[in-house]
Amino acid sequence: MSPIDAIVEELKSLPPERLEQAAAYIHRLRQASQAERLEALRATAGALTPAEADDWTKAIEDCERIDESGW
């Protein structure tokens, strides 16, 4: 049984008021996860200088090219 299946089975056995509490808790976990992702994005946005960003772009483009003579 997968973890999600086990959780669903446990939820099925809860009385309605506890099920509402579980749903509220899951909702808070989801919101916190989204907030953490947004904060990580805000913390790293603009971390590279334009020159560094250009270097990264060039490196990625170089990795995407296939060197046919290298095969």
C-alpha atoms as a PDB file:
ATOM      1  CA  MET A   1       0.000   0.000   0.000  1.00  0.00           C
ATOM      2  CA  SER A   2       1.376   3.389  -0.965  1.00  0.00           C
ATOM      3  CA  PRO A   3       1.711   6.149   1.652  1.00  0.00           C
ATOM      4  CA  ILE A   4      -1.141   8.109   0.066  1.00  0.00           C
ATOM      5  CA  ASP A   5      -3.406   5.059   0.155  1.00  0.00           C
ATOM      6  CA  ALA A   6      -2.558   4.494   3.824  1.00  0.00           C
ATOM      7  CA  ILE A   7      -3.333   8.130   4.623  1.00  0.00           C
ATOM      8  CA  VAL A   8      -6.659   7.973   2.793  1.00  0.00           C
ATOM      9  CA  GLU A   9      -7.612   4.817   4.693  1.00  0.00           C
ATOM     10  CA  GLU A  10      -6.772   6.500   7.999  1.00  0.00           C
ATOM     11  CA  LEU A  11      -8.754   9.592   7.015  1.00  0.00           C
ATOM     12  CA  LYS A  12     -11.780   7.424   6.249  1.00  0.00           C
ATOM     13  CA  SER A  13     -11.814   6.230   9.856  1.00  0.00           C
ATOM     14  CA  LEU A  14     -11.872   9.714  11.389  1.00  0.00           C
ATOM     15  CA  PRO A  15     -15.040  11.257  12.785  1.00  0.00           C
ATOM     16  CA  PRO A  16     -16.297  14.280  10.784  1.00  0.00           C
ATOM     17  CA  GLU A  17     -14.909  16.937  13.157  1.00  0.00           C
ATOM     18  CA  ARG A  18     -11.449  15.349  13.109  1.00  0.00           C
ATOM     19  CA  LEU A  19     -11.647  15.039   9.327  1.00  0.00           C
ATOM     20  CA  GLU A  20     -12.253  18.802   9.138  1.00  0.00           C
ATOM     21  CA  GLN A  21      -9.201  19.369  11.341  1.00  0.00           C
ATOM     22  CA  ALA A  22      -7.109  17.104   9.120  1.00  0.00           C
ATOM     23  CA  ALA A  23      -8.281  18.949   6.008  1.00  0.00           C
ATOM     24  CA  ALA A  24      -7.406  22.303   7.571  1.00  0.00           C
ATOM     25  CA  TYR A  25      -3.970  21.005   8.542  1.00  0.00           C
ATOM     26  CA  ILE A  26      -3.298  19.693   5.036  1.00  0.00           C
ATOM     27  CA  HIS A  27      -4.380  23.043   3.613  1.00  0.00           C
ATOM     28  CA  ARG A  28      -1.950  24.875   5.936  1.00  0.00           C
ATOM     29  CA  LEU A  29       0.869  22.523   4.911  1.00  0.00           C
ATOM     30  CA  ARG A  30       0.177  23.226   1.260  1.00  0.00           C
ATOM     31  CA  GLN A  31       0.097  26.996   1.802  1.00  0.00           C
ATOM     32  CA  ALA A  32       3.351  26.857   3.775  1.00  0.00           C
ATOM     33  CA  SER A  33       4.993  24.862   0.987  1.00  0.00           C
ATOM     34  CA  GLN A  34       3.927  27.424  -1.605  1.00  0.00           C
ATOM     35  CA  ALA A  35       5.127  30.278   0.593  1.00  0.00           C
ATOM     36  CA  GLU A  36       8.512  28.558   1.067  1.00  0.00           C
ATOM     37  CA  ARG A  37       8.933  28.147  -2.699  1.00  0.00           C
ATOM     38  CA  LEU A  38       8.056  31.794  -3.304  1.00  0.00           C
ATOM     39  CA  GLU A  39      10.473  32.927  -0.609  1.00  0.00           C
ATOM     40  CA  ALA A  40      13.265  30.808  -2.125  1.00  0.00           C
ATOM     41  CA  LEU A  41      12.540  32.370  -5.500  1.00  0.00           C
ATOM     42  CA  ARG A  42      12.581  35.885  -4.029  1.00  0.00           C
ATOM     43  CA  ALA A  43      15.820  35.172  -2.174  1.00  0.00           C
ATOM     44  CA  THR A  44      17.607  34.010  -5.315  1.00  0.00           C
ATOM     45  CA  ALA A  45      16.070  36.307  -7.929  1.00  0.00           C
ATOM     46  CA  GLY A  46      18.709  38.661  -9.233  1.00  0.00           C
ATOM     47  CA  ALA A  47      21.512  36.730  -7.550  1.00  0.00           C
ATOM     48  CA  LEU A  48      23.489  36.593 -10.793  1.00  0.00           C
ATOM     49  CA  THR A  49      25.019  39.624 -12.400  1.00  0.00           C
ATOM     50  CA  PRO A  50      24.164  40.140 -16.077  1.00  0.00           C
ATOM     51  CA  ALA A  51      27.650  38.915 -17.017  1.00  0.00           C
ATOM     52  CA  GLU A  52      27.222  35.766 -14.916  1.00  0.00           C
ATOM     53  CA  ALA A  53      23.815  35.155 -16.469  1.00  0.00           C
ATOM     54  CA  ASP A  54      25.363  35.482 -19.934  1.00  0.00           C
ATOM     55  CA  ASP A  55      28.081  32.998 -18.967  1.00  0.00           C
ATOM     56  CA  TRP A  56      25.440  30.517 -17.744  1.00  0.00           C
ATOM     57  CA  THR A  57      23.407  30.943 -20.913  1.00  0.00           C
ATOM     58  CA  LYS A  58      26.491  30.339 -23.080  1.00  0.00           C
ATOM     59  CA  ALA A  59      27.464  27.264 -21.051  1.00  0.00           C
ATOM     60  CA  ILE A  60      23.969  25.813 -21.408  1.00  0.00           C
ATOM     61  CA  GLU A  61      23.934  26.490 -25.137  1.00  0.00           C
ATOM     62  CA  ASP A  62      27.351  24.824 -25.471  1.00  0.00           C
ATOM     63  CA  CYS A  63      26.045  21.741 -23.661  1.00  0.00           C
ATOM     64  CA  GLU A  64      23.055  21.550 -26.000  1.00  0.00           C
ATOM     65  CA  ARG A  65      25.220  21.375 -29.120  1.00  0.00           C
ATOM     66  CA  ILE A  66      26.095  17.961 -30.484  1.00  0.00           C
ATOM     67  CA  ASP A  67      29.676  17.483 -31.591  1.00  0.00           C
ATOM     68  CA  GLU A  68      29.250  15.006 -34.429  1.00  0.00           C
ATOM     69  CA  SER A  69      33.001  14.470 -34.691  1.00  0.00           C
ATOM     70  CA  GLY A  70      33.067  13.422 -31.048  1.00  0.00           C
ATOM     71  CA  TRP A  71      31.053  10.259 -31.708  1.00  0.00           C
END
